[in-house]
Amino acid sequence: MRIGIFSDVHSNIEALEAVMAAYEDDEIDMFLCAGDVVGYGADPDICVTRVRGITENVVLGNHDAAVAGLMDYSYYYDAARQVLDAHKRLLTPDNADWLQQLPYSLVFDEHDIKLCHGSPIDVEEFDYIFAPEQAYALLPFYAQLNNITFIGHSHLCRVFALTERTVEEIADKVFTIDANRKYIISVGSVGQPRDYDNRASYTVYDTETRVFKFRRVEYDIEAAAEKIFRLGLERNFGNRLFIGV
């Protein structure tokens, strides 16, 4: 089975459509979305509708939870709060209800895979895992981990391979999953990459060969940014798309 894993669309329909077009060459059997369909961008309702049409395998991200009224976001900085408030108004009742019903995590036992937005421990806390020390904090919970945990949240492409006592960060863009280790794979962001590569990020995992691949694709950044400007959202949310940060 070939699985397409993506995350952090963040209301960027131009990036999402570019990723879906790129996936057409991969003969994907199942899609997984690691959350944050909304937030930051100009097209929350369109993106929710599109993701709903792509897959049922979607987990709740922190921006999704905020827009759905499932978490207090009063501590977010002003510009982020304003976007979330705007997205609440822009979502149809049906799409808002869909966000409210999203699970915090999904487990696919047949492939020993877990899908969540942040750390697989205390999934409702949305803790980040993008650095080795954060991965080391998972070692006491090693027995609870699946062979692979796919996450988003940081908008970075990161891989940590764990044994009971060690953590190895893997920098390769293509690598083979070892059944004897546990992997935390942060799949990057479709709609707002933050690794100074402004192309949309998406990934593919083949359960037969056990090969995982990071992929990138260009999209119409000018169109996505211009929508943000026209909507009157914080201009930095559009400007940062050009530099991928």
C-alpha atoms as a PDB file:
ATOM      1  CA  MET A   1       0.000   0.000   0.000  1.00  0.00           C
ATOM      2  CA  ARG A   2       1.184   3.493  -0.825  1.00  0.00           C
ATOM      3  CA  ILE A   3       0.209   6.091   1.771  1.00  0.00           C
ATOM      4  CA  GLY A   4       0.288   9.853   1.165  1.00  0.00           C
ATOM      5  CA  ILE A   5       0.847  11.822   4.372  1.00  0.00           C
ATOM      6  CA  PHE A   6       0.480  15.598   4.527  1.00  0.00           C
ATOM      7  CA  SER A   7      -0.130  18.227   7.196  1.00  0.00           C
ATOM      8  CA  ASP A   8      -0.583  21.890   8.024  1.00  0.00           C
ATOM      9  CA  VAL A   9      -2.520  23.024   4.971  1.00  0.00           C
ATOM     10  CA  HIS A  10      -3.330  26.237   6.825  1.00  0.00           C
ATOM     11  CA  SER A  11      -6.042  27.479   4.485  1.00  0.00           C
ATOM     12  CA  ASN A  12      -3.699  27.576   1.474  1.00  0.00           C
ATOM     13  CA  ILE A  13      -5.734  26.092  -1.351  1.00  0.00           C
ATOM     14  CA  GLU A  14      -3.096  26.873  -3.986  1.00  0.00           C
ATOM     15  CA  ALA A  15      -0.531  24.771  -2.142  1.00  0.00           C
ATOM     16  CA  LEU A  16      -3.020  21.983  -1.427  1.00  0.00           C
ATOM     17  CA  GLU A  17      -4.069  21.680  -5.067  1.00  0.00           C
ATOM     18  CA  ALA A  18      -0.426  21.600  -6.168  1.00  0.00           C
ATOM     19  CA  VAL A  19       0.268  18.774  -3.723  1.00  0.00           C
ATOM     20  CA  MET A  20      -2.766  16.798  -4.831  1.00  0.00           C
ATOM     21  CA  ALA A  21      -1.724  17.178  -8.468  1.00  0.00           C
ATOM     22  CA  ALA A  22       1.778  15.971  -7.601  1.00  0.00           C
ATOM     23  CA  TYR A  23       0.339  12.950  -5.798  1.00  0.00           C
ATOM     24  CA  GLU A  24      -1.329  11.803  -9.026  1.00  0.00           C
ATOM     25  CA  ASP A  25       1.985  10.300 -10.149  1.00  0.00           C
ATOM     26  CA  ASP A  26       2.322   8.244  -6.957  1.00  0.00           C
ATOM     27  CA  GLU A  27      -0.727   5.947  -7.190  1.00  0.00           C
ATOM     28  CA  ILE A  28      -1.691   6.625  -3.581  1.00  0.00           C
ATOM     29  CA  ASP A  29      -3.993   4.074  -1.920  1.00  0.00           C
ATOM     30  CA  MET A  30      -4.705   6.035   1.265  1.00  0.00           C
ATOM     31  CA  PHE A  31      -4.192   9.616   2.421  1.00  0.00           C
ATOM     32  CA  LEU A  32      -3.480  10.751   5.974  1.00  0.00           C
ATOM     33  CA  CYS A  33      -3.702  14.366   7.143  1.00  0.00           C
ATOM     34  CA  ALA A  34      -1.924  15.300  10.395  1.00  0.00           C
ATOM     35  CA  GLY A  35      -4.065  18.347  11.145  1.00  0.00           C
ATOM     36  CA  ASP A  36      -4.213  22.131  10.957  1.00  0.00           C
ATOM     37  CA  VAL A  37      -6.352  22.398   7.855  1.00  0.00           C
ATOM     38  CA  VAL A  38      -7.220  25.963   8.929  1.00  0.00           C
ATOM     39  CA  GLY A  39      -5.293  28.924  10.339  1.00  0.00           C
ATOM     40  CA  TYR A  40      -3.068  31.634   8.791  1.00  0.00           C
ATOM     41  CA  GLY A  41      -4.310  31.574   5.174  1.00  0.00           C
ATOM     42  CA  ALA A  42      -7.261  32.989   3.257  1.00  0.00           C
ATOM     43  CA  ASP A  43      -9.295  29.902   2.281  1.00  0.00           C
ATOM     44  CA  PRO A  44     -10.283  27.934   5.408  1.00  0.00           C
ATOM     45  CA  ASP A  45     -13.685  26.773   4.196  1.00  0.00           C
ATOM     46  CA  ILE A  46     -12.494  25.738   0.745  1.00  0.00           C
ATOM     47  CA  CYS A  47      -9.570  23.824   2.257  1.00  0.00           C
ATOM     48  CA  VAL A  48     -11.770  21.997   4.758  1.00  0.00           C
ATOM     49  CA  THR A  49     -14.144  20.979   1.973  1.00  0.00           C
ATOM     50  CA  ARG A  50     -11.237  19.819  -0.181  1.00  0.00           C
ATOM     51  CA  VAL A  51      -9.571  17.799   2.583  1.00  0.00           C
ATOM     52  CA  ARG A  52     -12.904  16.199   3.465  1.00  0.00           C
ATOM     53  CA  GLY A  53     -13.117  15.032  -0.135  1.00  0.00           C
ATOM     54  CA  ILE A  54      -9.597  13.613  -0.091  1.00  0.00           C
ATOM     55  CA  THR A  55      -9.640  11.462   3.039  1.00  0.00           C
ATOM     56  CA  GLU A  56     -11.494  10.505   6.199  1.00  0.00           C
ATOM     57  CA  ASN A  57      -8.149  10.010   7.952  1.00  0.00           C
ATOM     58  CA  VAL A  58      -7.680  13.470   9.437  1.00  0.00           C
ATOM     59  CA  VAL A  59      -6.666  14.387  12.993  1.00  0.00           C
ATOM     60  CA  LEU A  60      -7.223  17.594  14.910  1.00  0.00           C
ATOM     61  CA  GLY A  61      -4.527  20.259  14.893  1.00  0.00           C
ATOM     62  CA  ASN A  62      -4.230  23.107  17.378  1.00  0.00           C
ATOM     63  CA  HIS A  63      -5.545  25.698  14.904  1.00  0.00           C
ATOM     64  CA  ASP A  64      -8.424  23.374  14.031  1.00  0.00           C
ATOM     65  CA  ALA A  65      -9.180  22.989  17.742  1.00  0.00           C
ATOM     66  CA  ALA A  66      -9.112  26.759  18.238  1.00  0.00           C
ATOM     67  CA  VAL A  67     -11.472  27.481  15.352  1.00  0.00           C
ATOM     68  CA  ALA A  68     -13.754  24.637  16.431  1.00  0.00           C
ATOM     69  CA  GLY A  69     -14.042  26.065  19.957  1.00  0.00           C
ATOM     70  CA  LEU A  70     -12.214  23.133  21.531  1.00  0.00           C
ATOM     71  CA  MET A  71      -9.372  25.108  23.107  1.00  0.00           C
ATOM     72  CA  ASP A  72      -8.641  28.481  24.626  1.00  0.00           C
ATOM     73  CA  TYR A  73      -6.455  30.525  22.287  1.00  0.00           C
ATOM     74  CA  SER A  74      -6.528  33.782  24.228  1.00  0.00           C
ATOM     75  CA  TYR A  75      -2.790  33.429  24.861  1.00  0.00           C
ATOM     76  CA  TYR A  76      -2.021  33.413  21.099  1.00  0.00           C
ATOM     77  CA  TYR A  77      -0.482  36.631  19.796  1.00  0.00           C
ATOM     78  CA  ASP A  78      -2.880  39.205  18.356  1.00  0.00           C
ATOM     79  CA  ALA A  79      -2.437  38.480  14.647  1.00  0.00           C
ATOM     80  CA  ALA A  80      -2.941  34.731  15.107  1.00  0.00           C
ATOM     81  CA  ARG A  81      -6.074  35.307  17.198  1.00  0.00           C
ATOM     82  CA  GLN A  82      -7.497  37.633  14.565  1.00  0.00           C
ATOM     83  CA  VAL A  83      -7.055  35.001  11.869  1.00  0.00           C
ATOM     84  CA  LEU A  84      -8.716  32.331  13.988  1.00  0.00           C
ATOM     85  CA  ASP A  85     -11.631  34.679  14.717  1.00  0.00           C
ATOM     86  CA  ALA A  86     -11.960  35.377  10.989  1.00  0.00           C
ATOM     87  CA  HIS A  87     -11.874  31.692  10.142  1.00  0.00           C
ATOM     88  CA  LYS A  88     -14.679  30.992  12.584  1.00  0.00           C
ATOM     89  CA  ARG A  89     -16.814  33.422  10.588  1.00  0.00           C
ATOM     90  CA  LEU A  90     -15.751  32.021   7.211  1.00  0.00           C
ATOM     91  CA  LEU A  91     -16.510  28.342   7.892  1.00  0.00           C
ATOM     92  CA  THR A  92     -19.909  26.926   7.000  1.00  0.00           C
ATOM     93  CA  PRO A  93     -21.737  25.316   9.944  1.00  0.00           C
ATOM     94  CA  ASP A  94     -21.207  21.889   8.367  1.00  0.00           C
ATOM     95  CA  ASN A  95     -17.455  22.357   8.043  1.00  0.00           C
ATOM     96  CA  ALA A  96     -17.222  23.813  11.546  1.00  0.00           C
ATOM     97  CA  ASP A  97     -19.033  20.748  12.875  1.00  0.00           C
ATOM     98  CA  TRP A  98     -16.628  18.499  10.953  1.00  0.00           C
ATOM     99  CA  LEU A  99     -13.657  20.150  12.665  1.00  0.00           C
ATOM    100  CA  GLN A 100     -15.287  19.655  16.060  1.00  0.00           C
ATOM    101  CA  GLN A 101     -15.631  15.926  15.421  1.00  0.00           C
ATOM    102  CA  LEU A 102     -12.011  15.291  14.422  1.00  0.00           C
ATOM    103  CA  PRO A 103     -10.087  12.869  16.651  1.00  0.00           C
ATOM    104  CA  TYR A 104      -6.823  13.835  18.322  1.00  0.00           C
ATOM    105  CA  SER A 105      -5.149  10.725  16.942  1.00  0.00           C
ATOM    106  CA  LEU A 106      -5.699   7.709  14.728  1.00  0.00           C
ATOM    107  CA  VAL A 107      -3.965   4.322  14.828  1.00  0.00           C
ATOM    108  CA  PHE A 108      -3.653   1.962  11.878  1.00  0.00           C
ATOM    109  CA  ASP A 109      -2.793  -1.342  13.507  1.00  0.00           C
ATOM    110  CA  GLU A 110      -2.238  -3.239  10.273  1.00  0.00           C
ATOM    111  CA  HIS A 111       0.696  -0.961   9.462  1.00  0.00           C
ATOM    112  CA  ASP A 112       1.724  -0.134  13.066  1.00  0.00           C
ATOM    113  CA  ILE A 113       1.196   3.583  12.336  1.00  0.00           C
ATOM    114  CA  LYS A 114      -0.095   6.377  14.546  1.00  0.00           C
ATOM    115  CA  LEU A 115      -1.222   9.752  13.204  1.00  0.00           C
ATOM    116  CA  CYS A 116      -1.411  12.847  15.415  1.00  0.00           C
ATOM    117  CA  HIS A 117      -0.615  16.542  15.168  1.00  0.00           C
ATOM    118  CA  GLY A 118       2.091  16.847  17.798  1.00  0.00           C
ATOM    119  CA  SER A 119       3.665  14.470  20.292  1.00  0.00           C
ATOM    120  CA  PRO A 120       2.035  11.014  20.467  1.00  0.00           C
ATOM    121  CA  ILE A 121       2.118  11.317  24.283  1.00  0.00           C
ATOM    122  CA  ASP A 122      -0.709  13.462  25.685  1.00  0.00           C
ATOM    123  CA  VAL A 123      -1.985  14.228  22.191  1.00  0.00           C
ATOM    124  CA  GLU A 124      -4.391  16.921  23.419  1.00  0.00           C
ATOM    125  CA  GLU A 125      -1.441  19.062  24.535  1.00  0.00           C
ATOM    126  CA  PHE A 126      -0.031  19.478  20.992  1.00  0.00           C
ATOM    127  CA  ASP A 127       3.566  19.324  22.195  1.00  0.00           C
ATOM    128  CA  TYR A 128       6.230  19.911  19.542  1.00  0.00           C
ATOM    129  CA  ILE A 129       8.771  17.350  18.394  1.00  0.00           C
ATOM    130  CA  PHE A 130      11.286  18.918  16.036  1.00  0.00           C
ATOM    131  CA  ALA A 131      14.549  18.634  17.983  1.00  0.00           C
ATOM    132  CA  PRO A 132      16.508  15.669  19.392  1.00  0.00           C
ATOM    133  CA  GLU A 133      15.903  16.647  23.008  1.00  0.00           C
ATOM    134  CA  GLN A 134      12.153  16.533  22.397  1.00  0.00           C
ATOM    135  CA  ALA A 135      12.510  13.080  20.872  1.00  0.00           C
ATOM    136  CA  TYR A 136      14.628  11.941  23.844  1.00  0.00           C
ATOM    137  CA  ALA A 137      11.729  12.873  26.117  1.00  0.00           C
ATOM    138  CA  LEU A 138       9.734  10.069  24.474  1.00  0.00           C
ATOM    139  CA  LEU A 139      12.142   7.288  25.514  1.00  0.00           C
ATOM    140  CA  PRO A 140      10.344   6.570  28.827  1.00  0.00           C
ATOM    141  CA  PHE A 141       7.248   5.852  26.711  1.00  0.00           C
ATOM    142  CA  TYR A 142       9.073   3.728  24.134  1.00  0.00           C
ATOM    143  CA  ALA A 143       6.883   0.658  24.661  1.00  0.00           C
ATOM    144  CA  GLN A 144       3.762   2.716  23.934  1.00  0.00           C
ATOM    145  CA  LEU A 145       4.998   4.014  20.601  1.00  0.00           C
ATOM    146  CA  ASN A 146       4.022   2.584  17.245  1.00  0.00           C
ATOM    147  CA  ASN A 147       6.649   1.638  14.695  1.00  0.00           C
ATOM    148  CA  ILE A 148       5.846   4.935  12.922  1.00  0.00           C
ATOM    149  CA  THR A 149       4.216   8.082  14.250  1.00  0.00           C
ATOM    150  CA  PHE A 150       3.425  10.686  11.612  1.00  0.00           C
ATOM    151  CA  ILE A 151       3.074  14.225  12.940  1.00  0.00           C
ATOM    152  CA  GLY A 152       2.886  17.836  11.764  1.00  0.00           C
ATOM    153  CA  HIS A 153       2.711  21.009  13.878  1.00  0.00           C
ATOM    154  CA  SER A 154       6.303  22.305  13.529  1.00  0.00           C
ATOM    155  CA  HIS A 155       6.057  22.828   9.740  1.00  0.00           C
ATOM    156  CA  LEU A 156       9.489  21.183   9.514  1.00  0.00           C
ATOM    157  CA  CYS A 157      10.633  17.955   7.866  1.00  0.00           C
ATOM    158  CA  ARG A 158      12.242  15.969  10.684  1.00  0.00           C
ATOM    159  CA  VAL A 159      12.815  12.265  11.370  1.00  0.00           C
ATOM    160  CA  PHE A 160      13.869  10.678  14.660  1.00  0.00           C
ATOM    161  CA  ALA A 161      14.568   6.944  14.908  1.00  0.00           C
ATOM    162  CA  LEU A 162      14.366   5.633  18.471  1.00  0.00           C
ATOM    163  CA  THR A 163      15.548   2.551  20.286  1.00  0.00           C
ATOM    164  CA  GLU A 164      14.883   1.993  23.978  1.00  0.00           C
ATOM    165  CA  ARG A 165      17.958   4.089  24.853  1.00  0.00           C
ATOM    166  CA  THR A 166      18.928   6.130  21.805  1.00  0.00           C
ATOM    167  CA  VAL A 167      17.659   8.757  19.375  1.00  0.00           C
ATOM    168  CA  GLU A 168      19.068   9.195  15.883  1.00  0.00           C
ATOM    169  CA  GLU A 169      18.049  12.083  13.675  1.00  0.00           C
ATOM    170  CA  ILE A 170      17.801  11.021  10.034  1.00  0.00           C
ATOM    171  CA  ALA A 171      18.522  13.697   7.429  1.00  0.00           C
ATOM    172  CA  ASP A 172      17.884  11.597   4.311  1.00  0.00           C
ATOM    173  CA  LYS A 173      14.915  12.560   2.148  1.00  0.00           C
ATOM    174  CA  VAL A 174      14.421   8.902   1.183  1.00  0.00           C
ATOM    175  CA  PHE A 175      15.072   6.072   3.634  1.00  0.00           C
ATOM    176  CA  THR A 176      13.861   2.623   4.690  1.00  0.00           C
ATOM    177  CA  ILE A 177      11.903   2.077   7.895  1.00  0.00           C
ATOM    178  CA  ASP A 178      13.503  -0.440  10.280  1.00  0.00           C
ATOM    179  CA  ALA A 179      10.901  -2.638  11.951  1.00  0.00           C
ATOM    180  CA  ASN A 180      13.092  -2.820  15.058  1.00  0.00           C
ATOM    181  CA  ARG A 181      13.058   0.912  15.776  1.00  0.00           C
ATOM    182  CA  LYS A 182      10.345   3.487  16.476  1.00  0.00           C
ATOM    183  CA  TYR A 183      10.070   6.533  14.204  1.00  0.00           C
ATOM    184  CA  ILE A 184       8.697  10.016  14.768  1.00  0.00           C
ATOM    185  CA  ILE A 185       8.282  11.584  11.335  1.00  0.00           C
ATOM    186  CA  SER A 186       7.330  15.244  11.034  1.00  0.00           C
ATOM    187  CA  VAL A 187       6.035  15.588   7.485  1.00  0.00           C
ATOM    188  CA  GLY A 188       6.413  19.347   7.025  1.00  0.00           C
ATOM    189  CA  SER A 189       3.728  21.753   5.883  1.00  0.00           C
ATOM    190  CA  VAL A 190       1.649  21.982   2.738  1.00  0.00           C
ATOM    191  CA  GLY A 191       0.570  25.566   3.220  1.00  0.00           C
ATOM    192  CA  GLN A 192       3.243  27.285   5.300  1.00  0.00           C
ATOM    193  CA  PRO A 193       6.710  25.622   5.217  1.00  0.00           C
ATOM    194  CA  ARG A 194       9.223  26.982   7.721  1.00  0.00           C
ATOM    195  CA  ASP A 195      12.525  25.454   6.594  1.00  0.00           C
ATOM    196  CA  TYR A 196      13.444  28.225   4.130  1.00  0.00           C
ATOM    197  CA  ASP A 197      12.134  26.137   1.240  1.00  0.00           C
ATOM    198  CA  ASN A 198       8.936  27.818   0.051  1.00  0.00           C
ATOM    199  CA  ARG A 199       7.680  24.785  -1.851  1.00  0.00           C
ATOM    200  CA  ALA A 200       4.782  22.806  -0.401  1.00  0.00           C
ATOM    201  CA  SER A 201       5.822  19.685   1.502  1.00  0.00           C
ATOM    202  CA  TYR A 202       4.229  16.262   1.171  1.00  0.00           C
ATOM    203  CA  THR A 203       5.328  12.669   1.797  1.00  0.00           C
ATOM    204  CA  VAL A 204       4.849   9.094   0.608  1.00  0.00           C
ATOM    205  CA  TYR A 205       5.262   5.818   2.497  1.00  0.00           C
ATOM    206  CA  ASP A 206       5.181   2.398   0.814  1.00  0.00           C
ATOM    207  CA  THR A 207       4.170  -0.261   3.344  1.00  0.00           C
ATOM    208  CA  GLU A 208       5.478  -3.095   1.143  1.00  0.00           C
ATOM    209  CA  THR A 209       8.998  -1.785   0.540  1.00  0.00           C
ATOM    210  CA  ARG A 210       8.970   0.215   3.814  1.00  0.00           C
ATOM    211  CA  VAL A 211      10.468   3.169   1.924  1.00  0.00           C
ATOM    212  CA  PHE A 212       9.541   6.676   3.074  1.00  0.00           C
ATOM    213  CA  LYS A 213      10.012   9.773   0.870  1.00  0.00           C
ATOM    214  CA  PHE A 214       9.875  13.510   1.478  1.00  0.00           C
ATOM    215  CA  ARG A 215       8.670  15.473  -1.550  1.00  0.00           C
ATOM    216  CA  ARG A 216       8.297  19.180  -2.447  1.00  0.00           C
ATOM    217  CA  VAL A 217       6.294  20.952  -5.131  1.00  0.00           C
ATOM    218  CA  GLU A 218       6.069  24.575  -6.280  1.00  0.00           C
ATOM    219  CA  TYR A 219       2.745  26.392  -6.184  1.00  0.00           C
ATOM    220  CA  ASP A 220       1.340  29.853  -6.916  1.00  0.00           C
ATOM    221  CA  ILE A 221       2.613  31.717  -3.858  1.00  0.00           C
ATOM    222  CA  GLU A 222       1.677  35.123  -5.251  1.00  0.00           C
ATOM    223  CA  ALA A 223      -1.977  34.111  -5.538  1.00  0.00           C
ATOM    224  CA  ALA A 224      -2.061  32.661  -2.015  1.00  0.00           C
ATOM    225  CA  ALA A 225      -0.382  35.718  -0.511  1.00  0.00           C
ATOM    226  CA  GLU A 226      -2.530  38.216  -2.398  1.00  0.00           C
ATOM    227  CA  LYS A 227      -5.673  36.603  -0.961  1.00  0.00           C
ATOM    228  CA  ILE A 228      -4.306  37.081   2.546  1.00  0.00           C
ATOM    229  CA  PHE A 229      -3.596  40.742   1.832  1.00  0.00           C
ATOM    230  CA  ARG A 230      -7.072  41.315   0.344  1.00  0.00           C
ATOM    231  CA  LEU A 231      -8.745  39.667   3.314  1.00  0.00           C
ATOM    232  CA  GLY A 232      -7.016  42.121   5.631  1.00  0.00           C
ATOM    233  CA  LEU A 233      -5.141  39.490   7.638  1.00  0.00           C
ATOM    234  CA  GLU A 234      -1.659  40.065   9.048  1.00  0.00           C
ATOM    235  CA  ARG A 235       0.529  40.749   5.997  1.00  0.00           C
ATOM    236  CA  ASN A 236       3.387  38.677   7.413  1.00  0.00           C
ATOM    237  CA  PHE A 237       1.288  35.550   6.953  1.00  0.00           C
ATOM    238  CA  GLY A 238       1.457  36.245   3.219  1.00  0.00           C
ATOM    239  CA  ASN A 239       5.010  37.588   3.092  1.00  0.00           C
ATOM    240  CA  ARG A 240       6.490  34.564   4.856  1.00  0.00           C
ATOM    241  CA  LEU A 241       5.169  32.241   2.137  1.00  0.00           C
ATOM    242  CA  PHE A 242       7.717  33.650  -0.287  1.00  0.00           C
ATOM    243  CA  ILE A 243      10.704  32.727   1.880  1.00  0.00           C
ATOM    244  CA  GLY A 244       9.371  29.575   3.521  1.00  0.00           C
ATOM    245  CA  VAL A 245       9.635  30.600   7.136  1.00  0.00           C
END
